[in-house]
N, C-alpha and C. Protein backbone atom coordinates (compact mmCIF):
# COMPACT_ATOMS: atom_id res chain seq x y z
N UNK A 1 -8.88 10.21 -12.32
CA UNK A 1 -8.59 9.56 -10.97
C UNK A 1 -9.97 9.84 -10.16
N UNK A 2 -10.85 9.04 -9.66
CA UNK A 2 -11.74 9.56 -8.66
C UNK A 2 -11.72 8.81 -7.24
N UNK A 3 -12.32 9.36 -6.29
CA UNK A 3 -12.37 9.05 -4.97
C UNK A 3 -13.35 8.62 -4.71
N UNK A 4 -13.66 7.50 -3.73
CA UNK A 4 -15.08 7.58 -3.12
C UNK A 4 -14.89 6.95 -1.70
N UNK A 5 -15.58 7.52 -0.57
CA UNK A 5 -15.56 7.41 0.68
C UNK A 5 -16.55 6.47 1.09
N UNK A 6 -15.83 5.20 2.05
CA UNK A 6 -16.95 4.08 2.31
C UNK A 6 -16.84 4.12 3.95
N UNK A 7 -17.56 4.66 4.59
CA UNK A 7 -17.57 4.41 6.05
C UNK A 7 -16.48 5.19 6.48
N UNK A 8 -15.94 6.00 5.97
CA UNK A 8 -14.52 6.46 6.33
C UNK A 8 -14.63 7.37 7.40
N UNK A 9 -13.18 7.36 8.03
CA UNK A 9 -13.36 8.46 9.45
C UNK A 9 -13.32 9.92 8.67
N UNK A 10 -12.84 10.95 9.36
CA UNK A 10 -12.86 12.18 8.71
C UNK A 10 -11.52 12.39 8.30
N UNK A 11 -11.34 13.06 7.37
CA UNK A 11 -9.95 13.56 6.69
C UNK A 11 -9.16 13.92 7.89
N UNK A 12 -8.01 13.59 8.02
CA UNK A 12 -7.08 14.11 8.92
C UNK A 12 -7.15 13.54 10.37
N UNK A 13 -7.75 12.34 10.34
CA UNK A 13 -8.27 11.69 11.61
C UNK A 13 -6.91 11.28 12.13
N UNK A 14 -5.70 11.25 11.57
CA UNK A 14 -4.53 10.54 12.14
C UNK A 14 -3.30 11.36 11.37
N UNK A 15 -2.08 11.06 11.87
CA UNK A 15 -0.93 11.84 11.20
C UNK A 15 -0.53 10.84 10.33
N UNK A 16 -0.64 9.69 10.57
CA UNK A 16 0.16 8.70 9.29
C UNK A 16 -1.13 8.09 8.80
N UNK A 17 -1.39 8.11 7.44
CA UNK A 17 -2.55 7.38 6.83
C UNK A 17 -1.99 6.27 6.25
N UNK A 18 -2.75 5.61 5.78
CA UNK A 18 -2.48 4.20 5.06
C UNK A 18 -2.85 4.30 3.53
N UNK A 19 -2.11 3.30 2.68
CA UNK A 19 -2.13 3.66 1.13
C UNK A 19 -2.01 2.17 0.92
N UNK A 20 -2.90 1.53 0.36
CA UNK A 20 -2.79 0.03 0.08
C UNK A 20 -2.68 0.02 -1.67
N UNK A 21 -1.88 -0.23 -2.48
CA UNK A 21 -1.92 -0.57 -3.69
C UNK A 21 -2.60 -1.66 -4.20
N UNK A 22 -3.65 -1.70 -4.73
CA UNK A 22 -4.33 -3.10 -5.21
C UNK A 22 -5.16 -2.73 -6.44
N UNK A 23 -4.12 -2.09 -7.70
CA UNK A 23 -4.86 -1.78 -8.72
C UNK A 23 -4.57 -3.33 -9.84
N UNK A 24 -3.48 -3.86 -9.45
CA UNK A 24 -2.92 -4.94 -10.62
C UNK A 24 -3.85 -5.91 -11.18
N UNK A 25 -3.82 -6.33 -12.40
CA UNK A 25 -4.59 -6.96 -13.18
C UNK A 25 -4.05 -8.62 -12.95
N UNK A 26 -3.38 -8.78 -12.27
CA UNK A 26 -2.60 -10.41 -12.31
C UNK A 26 -2.20 -10.96 -13.35
N UNK A 27 -1.40 -10.01 -14.26
CA UNK A 27 -1.00 -10.63 -15.51
C UNK A 27 -0.13 -11.98 -15.79
N UNK A 28 0.56 -12.13 -14.62
CA UNK A 28 1.21 -13.58 -14.75
C UNK A 28 0.35 -14.59 -13.83
N UNK A 29 -0.55 -14.48 -13.34
CA UNK A 29 -1.85 -15.12 -12.54
C UNK A 29 -2.86 -15.35 -13.95
N UNK A 30 -2.65 -15.23 -15.09
CA UNK A 30 -3.71 -15.37 -15.98
C UNK A 30 -4.91 -14.43 -16.05
N UNK A 31 -4.62 -13.36 -15.55
CA UNK A 31 -5.41 -12.11 -15.42
C UNK A 31 -6.40 -12.20 -14.21
N UNK A 32 -6.01 -12.88 -13.19
CA UNK A 32 -6.66 -12.86 -12.20
C UNK A 32 -6.30 -11.72 -11.00
N UNK A 33 -7.03 -10.62 -10.68
CA UNK A 33 -6.75 -9.61 -10.31
C UNK A 33 -6.37 -9.96 -8.60
N UNK A 34 -4.90 -9.85 -8.18
CA UNK A 34 -4.84 -10.25 -7.21
C UNK A 34 -5.55 -9.32 -6.08
N UNK A 35 -6.35 -8.52 -5.93
CA UNK A 35 -7.10 -7.82 -4.92
C UNK A 35 -8.27 -8.86 -4.71
N UNK A 36 -8.53 -9.82 -5.46
CA UNK A 36 -9.88 -10.52 -5.40
C UNK A 36 -9.39 -12.05 -4.85
N UNK A 37 -8.01 -12.38 -4.99
CA UNK A 37 -7.76 -14.00 -4.75
C UNK A 37 -8.25 -13.96 -3.02
N UNK A 38 -8.49 -15.18 -2.50
CA UNK A 38 -8.93 -15.43 -1.20
C UNK A 38 -7.66 -15.81 -0.59
N UNK A 39 -7.71 -14.95 0.74
CA UNK A 39 -7.11 -15.57 1.82
C UNK A 39 -7.65 -15.52 3.20
N UNK A 40 -7.82 -16.67 3.82
CA UNK A 40 -8.20 -16.73 5.03
C UNK A 40 -9.64 -16.49 4.71
N UNK A 41 -10.36 -16.93 3.89
CA UNK A 41 -11.70 -16.74 3.62
C UNK A 41 -12.31 -15.62 3.18
N UNK A 42 -11.22 -14.31 2.84
CA UNK A 42 -11.79 -13.18 2.63
C UNK A 42 -10.86 -12.80 1.23
N UNK A 43 -11.38 -11.66 0.27
CA UNK A 43 -10.47 -11.15 -0.76
C UNK A 43 -9.14 -10.65 -0.38
N UNK A 44 -8.39 -10.78 -0.75
CA UNK A 44 -6.71 -10.29 -0.53
C UNK A 44 -6.79 -8.72 0.08
N UNK A 45 -7.57 -8.15 -0.91
CA UNK A 45 -7.62 -6.54 -0.51
C UNK A 45 -8.23 -6.15 0.76
N UNK A 46 -9.15 -7.21 1.04
CA UNK A 46 -9.83 -7.20 2.24
C UNK A 46 -8.81 -7.28 3.98
N UNK A 47 -8.16 -8.21 3.51
CA UNK A 47 -7.01 -8.81 4.50
C UNK A 47 -6.08 -7.51 4.88
N UNK A 48 -5.47 -6.84 3.44
CA UNK A 48 -4.53 -6.08 3.30
C UNK A 48 -4.76 -4.71 3.96
N UNK A 49 -6.26 -4.48 3.81
CA UNK A 49 -6.62 -2.98 4.11
C UNK A 49 -6.98 -3.07 5.96
N UNK A 50 -7.06 -4.60 6.47
CA UNK A 50 -7.56 -4.68 7.84
C UNK A 50 -6.13 -4.40 8.54
N UNK A 51 -5.12 -4.80 7.62
CA UNK A 51 -3.71 -4.70 8.20
C UNK A 51 -3.08 -3.21 8.42
N UNK A 52 -3.76 -2.59 7.67
CA UNK A 52 -3.31 -1.02 7.80
C UNK A 52 -4.05 -0.38 8.58
N UNK A 53 -5.25 -0.66 8.80
CA UNK A 53 -6.08 -0.28 9.94
C UNK A 53 -5.64 -0.56 11.51
N UNK A 54 -5.21 -1.88 11.41
CA UNK A 54 -4.92 -2.38 12.61
C UNK A 54 -3.38 -1.94 13.25
N UNK A 55 -2.76 -1.46 12.37
CA UNK A 55 -1.44 -0.96 12.34
C UNK A 55 -1.53 0.55 13.01
N UNK A 56 -2.77 1.14 12.70
CA UNK A 56 -3.07 2.63 13.26
C UNK A 56 -3.06 3.51 12.48
N UNK A 57 -3.11 3.14 11.27
CA UNK A 57 -3.02 4.14 10.00
C UNK A 57 -4.84 4.56 9.74
N UNK A 58 -4.69 5.55 9.56
CA UNK A 58 -6.01 6.75 9.34
C UNK A 58 -5.93 7.98 8.53
N UNK A 59 -6.47 8.26 7.81
CA UNK A 59 -7.47 7.29 7.22
C UNK A 59 -6.60 6.07 6.13
N UNK A 60 -7.47 5.23 5.65
CA UNK A 60 -6.76 4.34 4.73
C UNK A 60 -7.57 4.51 3.37
N UNK A 61 -6.79 4.52 2.36
CA UNK A 61 -7.05 4.80 1.18
C UNK A 61 -6.40 3.57 0.20
N UNK A 62 -7.27 2.96 -0.62
CA UNK A 62 -7.23 1.95 -1.31
C UNK A 62 -7.18 2.34 -2.75
N UNK A 63 -6.03 1.73 -3.60
CA UNK A 63 -6.27 2.07 -4.71
C UNK A 63 -6.55 0.92 -5.80
N UNK A 64 -7.51 1.10 -6.22
CA UNK A 64 -8.21 -0.08 -7.66
C UNK A 64 -8.23 0.16 -8.72
N UNK A 65 -7.93 -0.55 -9.47
CA UNK A 65 -7.88 -0.74 -10.97
C UNK A 65 -8.42 -1.55 -11.74
N UNK A 66 -7.78 -2.88 -12.08
CA UNK A 66 -8.67 -3.91 -12.36
C UNK A 66 -9.64 -4.59 -11.89
N UNK A 67 -10.70 -4.98 -12.42
CA UNK A 67 -11.82 -5.41 -11.78
C UNK A 67 -12.48 -4.41 -10.70
N UNK A 68 -12.22 -3.18 -10.71
CA UNK A 68 -12.65 -2.27 -9.54
C UNK A 68 -13.90 -2.55 -9.09
N UNK A 69 -15.16 -2.59 -9.87
CA UNK A 69 -16.08 -2.98 -9.91
C UNK A 69 -16.70 -4.22 -8.94
N UNK A 70 -15.82 -4.90 -9.33
CA UNK A 70 -15.90 -6.44 -8.67
C UNK A 70 -15.29 -6.17 -7.29
N UNK A 71 -14.27 -5.68 -7.25
CA UNK A 71 -13.84 -5.49 -5.87
C UNK A 71 -14.87 -4.90 -5.05
N UNK A 72 -15.43 -3.64 -5.48
CA UNK A 72 -16.62 -2.98 -4.54
C UNK A 72 -17.55 -3.79 -4.36
N UNK A 73 -17.85 -4.72 -5.18
CA UNK A 73 -19.02 -5.60 -4.61
C UNK A 73 -18.58 -6.53 -3.75
N UNK A 74 -17.60 -7.23 -4.07
CA UNK A 74 -17.29 -8.55 -3.11
C UNK A 74 -16.32 -8.31 -1.98
N UNK A 75 -15.59 -7.30 -1.88
CA UNK A 75 -14.97 -7.08 -0.75
C UNK A 75 -15.36 -5.71 0.28
N UNK A 76 -15.79 -6.16 1.33
CA UNK A 76 -15.96 -4.96 2.65
C UNK A 76 -15.05 -4.45 2.85
N UNK A 77 -14.90 -2.95 2.80
CA UNK A 77 -13.69 -2.17 2.94
C UNK A 77 -14.23 -0.95 3.78
N UNK A 78 -14.73 -1.22 5.18
CA UNK A 78 -15.09 -0.36 5.96
C UNK A 78 -14.03 0.49 6.59
N UNK A 79 -14.34 1.75 6.38
CA UNK A 79 -13.01 2.88 7.21
C UNK A 79 -12.16 3.14 5.89
N UNK A 80 -12.33 2.80 4.99
CA UNK A 80 -11.63 2.88 3.57
C UNK A 80 -12.04 4.28 2.76
N UNK A 81 -11.17 4.61 2.02
CA UNK A 81 -11.65 5.55 0.91
C UNK A 81 -11.00 4.79 -0.25
N UNK A 82 -12.06 4.68 -1.42
CA UNK A 82 -11.57 3.65 -2.49
C UNK A 82 -11.17 4.76 -3.72
N UNK A 83 -9.93 4.70 -4.04
CA UNK A 83 -9.60 5.70 -5.00
C UNK A 83 -9.54 4.95 -6.57
N UNK A 84 -10.10 5.32 -7.63
CA UNK A 84 -10.04 4.80 -8.71
C UNK A 84 -8.70 5.17 -9.60
N UNK A 85 -8.06 4.10 -10.23
CA UNK A 85 -6.78 4.53 -10.92
C UNK A 85 -7.12 3.98 -12.56
N UNK A 86 -7.63 4.90 -13.36
CA UNK A 86 -7.72 4.03 -14.71
C UNK A 86 -7.08 4.01 -15.73
N UNK A 87 -5.24 4.52 -14.95
CA UNK A 87 -4.43 4.05 -15.67
C UNK A 87 -3.53 2.81 -15.12
N UNK A 88 -4.31 2.11 -14.45
CA UNK A 88 -3.57 1.22 -13.48
C UNK A 88 -2.68 0.08 -14.46
N UNK A 89 -3.01 -0.17 -15.85
CA UNK A 89 -2.03 -0.98 -16.84
C UNK A 89 -0.89 -0.34 -16.62
N UNK A 90 -0.47 0.75 -16.75
CA UNK A 90 0.67 1.48 -16.76
C UNK A 90 1.75 0.94 -15.69
N UNK A 91 1.08 0.64 -14.92
CA UNK A 91 2.26 -0.25 -13.87
C UNK A 91 1.84 0.62 -12.40
N UNK A 92 2.48 -0.02 -11.25
CA UNK A 92 2.29 0.49 -9.87
C UNK A 92 2.62 2.00 -9.85
N UNK A 93 3.57 2.71 -10.55
CA UNK A 93 3.87 3.99 -10.43
C UNK A 93 2.56 4.85 -10.41
N UNK A 94 1.81 4.33 -11.56
CA UNK A 94 0.44 5.19 -11.77
C UNK A 94 -0.37 4.92 -10.39
N UNK A 95 -0.48 4.14 -10.02
CA UNK A 95 -1.32 3.75 -8.53
C UNK A 95 -0.69 4.48 -7.59
N UNK A 96 0.67 4.62 -7.19
CA UNK A 96 1.06 5.40 -6.33
C UNK A 96 0.85 6.87 -6.43
N UNK A 97 1.04 7.45 -7.70
CA UNK A 97 0.53 8.95 -7.88
C UNK A 97 -0.69 9.21 -7.69
N UNK A 98 -1.66 8.25 -7.94
CA UNK A 98 -3.03 8.31 -7.87
C UNK A 98 -3.31 8.41 -5.94
N UNK A 99 -2.96 7.48 -5.50
CA UNK A 99 -3.11 7.32 -3.89
C UNK A 99 -2.46 8.64 -3.36
N UNK A 100 -1.19 9.02 -3.67
CA UNK A 100 -0.87 10.31 -2.96
C UNK A 100 -1.67 11.24 -3.34
N UNK A 101 -1.85 11.31 -4.49
CA UNK A 101 -2.73 12.55 -4.71
C UNK A 101 -4.29 12.79 -4.13
N UNK A 102 -4.75 11.60 -4.01
CA UNK A 102 -5.83 11.36 -3.26
C UNK A 102 -5.64 12.04 -1.68
N UNK A 103 -4.70 11.88 -1.03
CA UNK A 103 -4.15 12.02 0.03
C UNK A 103 -3.91 13.40 0.35
N UNK A 104 -3.70 14.48 -0.63
CA UNK A 104 -3.53 15.63 -0.51
C UNK A 104 -4.06 16.38 0.10
N UNK A 105 -5.59 16.39 0.57
CA UNK A 105 -6.28 17.29 1.26
C UNK A 105 -6.70 16.41 2.62
N UNK A 106 -5.98 15.28 2.99
CA UNK A 106 -6.33 14.29 4.02
C UNK A 106 -5.90 15.30 5.26
N UNK A 107 -4.99 16.05 5.28
CA UNK A 107 -4.16 16.46 6.65
C UNK A 107 -3.38 15.41 7.40
N UNK A 108 -3.10 14.23 6.66
CA UNK A 108 -2.26 13.34 7.01
C UNK A 108 -0.68 14.18 6.82
N UNK A 109 0.66 13.72 7.67
CA UNK A 109 1.62 14.13 7.59
C UNK A 109 2.90 12.96 7.18
N UNK A 110 1.99 11.75 6.96
CA UNK A 110 3.07 10.77 6.45
C UNK A 110 1.94 9.62 5.92
N UNK A 111 2.40 8.98 5.27
CA UNK A 111 1.79 7.65 4.73
C UNK A 111 2.53 6.65 4.73
N UNK A 112 1.63 5.30 5.19
CA UNK A 112 2.45 4.02 5.23
C UNK A 112 1.57 3.34 3.77
N UNK A 113 2.52 2.94 2.88
CA UNK A 113 2.51 2.33 1.71
C UNK A 113 2.66 0.72 1.60
N UNK A 114 1.59 0.05 1.36
CA UNK A 114 1.78 -1.53 1.52
C UNK A 114 1.30 -2.12 -0.11
N UNK A 115 1.53 -3.27 -0.39
CA UNK A 115 1.08 -3.69 -1.66
C UNK A 115 0.18 -4.87 -1.23
N UNK A 116 -0.88 -4.92 -1.91
CA UNK A 116 -2.05 -6.08 -1.96
C UNK A 116 -1.49 -7.48 -1.75
N UNK A 117 -0.46 -7.70 -2.51
CA UNK A 117 0.18 -9.04 -2.79
C UNK A 117 1.19 -9.99 -1.76
N UNK A 118 1.07 -9.07 -0.63
CA UNK A 118 2.17 -9.66 0.34
C UNK A 118 1.27 -10.02 1.70
N UNK A 119 0.40 -10.88 1.70
CA UNK A 119 0.02 -11.33 2.82
C UNK A 119 0.80 -11.81 3.99
N UNK A 120 1.68 -12.00 3.81
CA UNK A 120 2.56 -12.50 5.14
C UNK A 120 3.08 -11.55 5.88
N UNK A 121 2.95 -10.23 5.33
CA UNK A 121 3.17 -9.00 6.14
C UNK A 121 2.06 -8.45 6.95
N UNK A 122 1.99 -8.32 8.00
CA UNK A 122 0.68 -8.38 9.00
C UNK A 122 1.11 -6.92 9.83
N UNK A 123 -0.09 -6.71 10.72
CA UNK A 123 -0.04 -5.68 11.39
C UNK A 123 0.98 -5.31 12.22
N UNK A 124 1.70 -6.29 12.89
CA UNK A 124 3.13 -5.92 13.75
C UNK A 124 4.01 -5.48 12.83
N UNK A 125 4.45 -5.84 11.74
CA UNK A 125 5.40 -5.30 10.92
C UNK A 125 4.88 -3.85 10.66
N UNK A 126 3.67 -3.77 9.99
CA UNK A 126 3.40 -2.73 9.63
C UNK A 126 3.34 -1.44 10.73
N UNK A 127 3.08 -1.75 11.95
CA UNK A 127 2.98 -0.83 13.11
C UNK A 127 4.33 -0.41 13.41
N UNK A 128 5.47 -1.25 13.25
CA UNK A 128 6.70 -0.83 13.28
C UNK A 128 7.15 -0.03 12.47
N UNK A 129 6.57 -0.12 11.31
CA UNK A 129 7.53 1.00 10.34
C UNK A 129 6.69 2.33 10.58
N UNK A 130 5.18 2.18 10.65
CA UNK A 130 4.46 3.47 11.09
C UNK A 130 5.00 4.30 12.51
N UNK A 131 5.58 3.21 13.30
CA UNK A 131 6.22 4.19 14.45
C UNK A 131 7.11 4.59 14.43
N UNK A 132 7.71 4.35 13.00
CA UNK A 132 9.18 5.22 12.82
C UNK A 132 8.91 6.65 12.33
N UNK A 133 7.64 7.26 11.90
CA UNK A 133 7.13 8.47 12.02
C UNK A 133 7.80 9.62 12.83
N UNK A 134 8.46 10.48 12.53
CA UNK A 134 9.06 11.68 13.51
C UNK A 134 8.36 12.98 12.99
N UNK A 135 8.49 13.23 11.45
CA UNK A 135 8.16 14.62 10.96
C UNK A 135 7.55 14.21 9.97
N UNK A 136 7.40 15.43 9.08
CA UNK A 136 6.85 15.41 7.52
C UNK A 136 8.13 15.02 6.94
N UNK A 137 9.44 15.15 6.98
CA UNK A 137 10.55 14.64 6.44
C UNK A 137 10.87 13.27 6.27
N UNK A 138 10.12 12.50 7.36
CA UNK A 138 10.76 11.08 7.80
C UNK A 138 10.41 10.14 6.45
N UNK A 139 11.46 9.49 6.22
CA UNK A 139 11.54 7.99 5.16
C UNK A 139 11.89 6.72 6.08
N UNK A 140 11.11 5.96 5.91
CA UNK A 140 11.52 4.81 6.53
C UNK A 140 10.63 3.46 5.49
N UNK A 141 11.41 2.37 6.15
CA UNK A 141 11.03 0.93 5.21
C UNK A 141 11.19 -0.16 6.15
N UNK A 142 10.45 -1.10 5.75
CA UNK A 142 10.64 -2.58 6.47
C UNK A 142 11.99 -2.78 5.64
N UNK A 143 12.64 -3.69 6.61
CA UNK A 143 14.05 -4.46 6.10
C UNK A 143 13.80 -5.96 6.40
N UNK A 144 13.88 -7.01 5.64
CA UNK A 144 14.14 -8.33 6.09
C UNK A 144 15.88 -8.99 5.69
N UNK A 145 16.14 -9.03 6.93
CA UNK A 145 17.49 -9.40 7.04
C UNK A 145 18.30 -8.32 6.24
N UNK A 146 17.97 -7.15 6.45
CA UNK A 146 18.87 -5.73 6.02
C UNK A 146 18.36 -5.67 4.71
N UNK A 147 17.41 -6.22 3.99
CA UNK A 147 17.15 -5.61 2.79
C UNK A 147 15.70 -4.93 2.83
N UNK A 148 15.81 -3.72 1.94
CA UNK A 148 14.48 -2.82 2.10
C UNK A 148 13.45 -3.46 1.36
N UNK A 149 12.38 -3.50 2.00
CA UNK A 149 10.96 -3.92 1.52
C UNK A 149 9.90 -3.36 1.90
N UNK A 150 8.83 -3.73 1.93
CA UNK A 150 7.36 -3.02 2.20
C UNK A 150 6.82 -3.54 3.84
N UNK A 151 6.08 -2.59 4.29
CA UNK A 151 5.79 -1.20 3.70
C UNK A 151 6.89 -0.26 3.93
N UNK A 152 6.30 0.76 3.38
CA UNK A 152 7.48 1.82 3.33
C UNK A 152 6.59 2.97 3.81
N UNK A 153 7.32 4.15 4.55
CA UNK A 153 6.51 5.09 5.29
C UNK A 153 7.38 6.43 4.26
N UNK A 154 6.27 7.24 3.97
CA UNK A 154 6.70 8.51 3.21
C UNK A 154 6.47 9.75 4.01
N UNK A 155 7.18 10.37 4.55
CA UNK A 155 6.56 12.05 5.22
C UNK A 155 6.33 12.68 3.97
N UNK A 156 5.09 13.70 4.31
CA UNK A 156 4.60 14.25 3.37
C UNK A 156 5.56 15.23 2.56
N UNK A 157 6.55 15.46 3.10
CA UNK A 157 7.50 16.58 2.49
C UNK A 157 8.16 15.82 1.06
N UNK A 158 8.01 14.57 0.99
CA UNK A 158 8.32 13.88 -0.18
C UNK A 158 7.65 13.46 -1.03
N UNK A 159 6.17 13.39 -0.98
CA UNK A 159 4.93 12.96 -1.64
C UNK A 159 5.36 13.53 -3.26
N UNK A 160 5.60 14.77 -3.19
CA UNK A 160 5.76 15.81 -4.48
C UNK A 160 7.13 14.97 -5.33
N UNK A 161 7.79 14.93 -4.69
CA UNK A 161 9.44 13.96 -5.63
C UNK A 161 8.91 12.61 -5.56
N UNK A 162 8.52 11.97 -5.13
CA UNK A 162 7.82 10.88 -5.22
C UNK A 162 6.98 10.68 -6.39
N UNK A 163 5.97 11.49 -6.40
CA UNK A 163 5.05 11.42 -7.67
C UNK A 163 5.69 11.77 -8.96
N UNK A 164 6.68 12.60 -9.00
CA UNK A 164 7.30 12.96 -10.13
C UNK A 164 8.36 12.16 -10.76
N UNK A 165 8.86 10.66 -10.00
CA UNK A 165 9.72 9.83 -10.24
C UNK A 165 9.19 8.49 -10.64
N UNK A 166 7.88 8.41 -9.70
CA UNK A 166 7.07 7.17 -9.93
C UNK A 166 6.62 6.92 -11.41
N UNK A 167 7.26 5.59 -12.00
CA UNK A 167 6.80 5.40 -13.37
C UNK A 167 6.73 4.02 -13.74
N UNK A 168 6.01 3.60 -14.55
CA UNK A 168 5.78 1.89 -14.84
C UNK A 168 5.88 0.98 -13.17
N UNK A 169 6.40 0.03 -13.30
CA UNK A 169 6.28 -0.69 -12.22
C UNK A 169 7.49 -0.43 -10.89
N UNK A 170 8.21 0.68 -11.34
CA UNK A 170 9.20 0.90 -10.21
C UNK A 170 8.61 1.64 -8.90
N UNK A 171 7.37 2.29 -8.97
CA UNK A 171 6.86 2.98 -7.69
C UNK A 171 7.90 4.08 -7.28
N UNK A 172 8.12 3.91 -6.14
CA UNK A 172 9.23 5.01 -5.46
C UNK A 172 10.69 4.24 -5.31
N UNK A 173 10.92 3.29 -5.87
CA UNK A 173 12.27 2.85 -6.10
C UNK A 173 13.39 3.87 -6.49
N UNK A 174 13.14 4.63 -7.25
CA UNK A 174 14.14 5.66 -7.81
C UNK A 174 14.22 6.65 -6.77
N UNK A 175 13.37 7.09 -6.24
CA UNK A 175 13.39 8.16 -5.27
C UNK A 175 14.09 7.57 -4.22
N UNK A 176 13.80 6.26 -3.94
CA UNK A 176 14.33 5.78 -2.45
C UNK A 176 16.03 5.54 -2.61
N UNK A 177 16.35 5.31 -3.60
CA UNK A 177 17.75 5.03 -3.91
C UNK A 177 18.30 6.48 -4.09
N UNK A 178 17.63 7.39 -4.67
CA UNK A 178 18.56 8.82 -4.52
C UNK A 178 18.83 9.32 -3.02
N UNK A 179 17.62 9.03 -2.42
CA UNK A 179 17.68 9.38 -0.85
C UNK A 179 17.87 8.10 0.30
N UNK A 180 18.51 7.28 -0.15
CA UNK A 180 18.90 6.16 0.33
C UNK A 180 19.83 6.65 1.94
N UNK A 181 20.47 7.72 1.91
CA UNK A 181 20.96 8.02 3.22
C UNK A 181 20.09 8.62 4.15
N UNK A 182 18.74 8.63 3.66
CA UNK A 182 17.91 9.18 4.51
C UNK A 182 16.92 8.42 5.02
N UNK A 183 16.75 7.23 4.82
CA UNK A 183 15.99 6.07 4.79
C UNK A 183 16.16 5.38 5.97
N UNK A 184 15.24 5.35 7.12
CA UNK A 184 15.50 4.49 8.15
C UNK A 184 14.92 3.23 7.96
N UNK A 185 15.96 2.09 8.01
CA UNK A 185 15.37 0.72 8.03
C UNK A 185 14.89 -0.02 9.16
N UNK A 186 13.73 -0.28 9.25
CA UNK A 186 13.02 -0.99 10.42
C UNK A 186 13.13 -2.91 9.89
N UNK A 187 13.95 -3.37 10.85
CA UNK A 187 13.99 -4.90 10.59
C UNK A 187 12.73 -5.54 11.02
N UNK A 188 11.90 -6.45 10.21
CA UNK A 188 10.74 -7.07 10.49
C UNK A 188 10.72 -8.43 9.89
N UNK A 189 11.99 -9.02 9.79
CA UNK A 189 12.25 -10.48 9.40
C UNK A 189 11.67 -11.69 10.30
N UNK A 190 11.76 -11.25 11.57
CA UNK A 190 11.24 -12.35 12.50
C UNK A 190 9.75 -12.18 12.87
N UNK A 191 9.34 -11.02 12.22
CA UNK A 191 7.53 -10.99 12.77
C UNK A 191 7.00 -10.87 11.03
N UNK A 192 7.51 -11.15 9.95
CA UNK A 192 6.93 -11.06 8.83
C UNK A 192 7.50 -11.82 7.62
N UNK A 193 6.73 -12.15 6.43
CA UNK A 193 7.29 -13.20 5.57
C UNK A 193 7.05 -12.10 4.28
N UNK A 194 8.13 -11.57 3.59
CA UNK A 194 7.96 -10.68 2.56
C UNK A 194 7.71 -11.15 1.07
N UNK A 195 7.12 -12.36 0.95
CA UNK A 195 6.98 -13.06 -0.50
C UNK A 195 5.92 -12.18 -0.86
N UNK A 196 5.53 -12.42 -2.49
CA UNK A 196 4.95 -11.75 -3.38
C UNK A 196 4.09 -12.85 -3.81
N UNK A 197 2.79 -12.59 -3.94
CA UNK A 197 1.81 -13.42 -5.03
C UNK A 197 1.99 -13.05 -6.25
N UNK A 198 2.73 -13.32 -7.06
CA UNK A 198 3.07 -13.12 -8.58
C UNK A 198 2.44 -14.08 -9.54
N UNK A 199 2.96 -15.27 -9.42
CA UNK A 199 2.68 -16.32 -10.50
C UNK A 199 1.80 -17.69 -9.55
N UNK A 200 1.23 -18.32 -10.40
CA UNK A 200 0.53 -19.53 -10.01
C UNK A 200 1.22 -20.37 -9.19
N UNK A 201 2.47 -20.35 -8.77
CA UNK A 201 3.44 -21.29 -8.02
C UNK A 201 3.26 -20.46 -6.70
N UNK A 202 3.18 -19.34 -6.55
CA UNK A 202 2.92 -18.60 -5.39
C UNK A 202 1.52 -18.49 -4.50
N UNK A 203 0.67 -19.38 -5.27
CA UNK A 203 -0.77 -19.17 -4.80
C UNK A 203 -0.71 -20.12 -3.54
N UNK A 204 0.54 -20.93 -3.32
CA UNK A 204 0.71 -22.09 -2.05
C UNK A 204 0.53 -21.12 -0.91
N UNK A 205 0.98 -19.60 -0.76
CA UNK A 205 1.17 -19.12 0.30
C UNK A 205 -0.11 -18.58 0.40
N UNK A 206 -1.42 -18.73 -0.21
CA UNK A 206 -2.45 -18.04 0.40
C UNK A 206 -3.10 -19.15 1.10
N UNK A 207 -3.78 -18.94 2.16
CA UNK A 207 -4.46 -19.82 3.35
C UNK A 207 -6.02 -20.01 3.15
């Protein structure tokens, strides 16, 4: 894992950092990296990073994997720290571990984690979940008609446990299931659409 600061704020600029997982290779999209799909005239990774910034997260770390050099070239990501995940092909869990490790010395007391392939979730929903932060022990997640989704807020007290259990494409799912009673759900269904861009049929959602 390597990190590269790009016009970023000083470490520890905010209590709640943002973490965007954008490393996937788009296997079900014919090998088109999701980070570089176009949405509203810009690469999807640029849109998703802007959502975290507008939600008040600082610093914002972006985990890259597939076509990471092309992402650096084509996607302006001001105010972000770019994190390389050479193990991206092993699934989202490896990207989550890389992102949490990159934040270890940031001074952030919590992190708001979002996925690059959910452009229907904007800054309003992200800010709602960010505002659920109370302490490094906080666990919170957006909910859609009562069902847990993204983004997810992890207080620093949970980072080590999440990193230990994150594997494959499960991300933090096992950890959140084990700590379900501690997770505050923030309903966002009326302000966001939690679809994923996974297949060619899903591309209809891009604008």
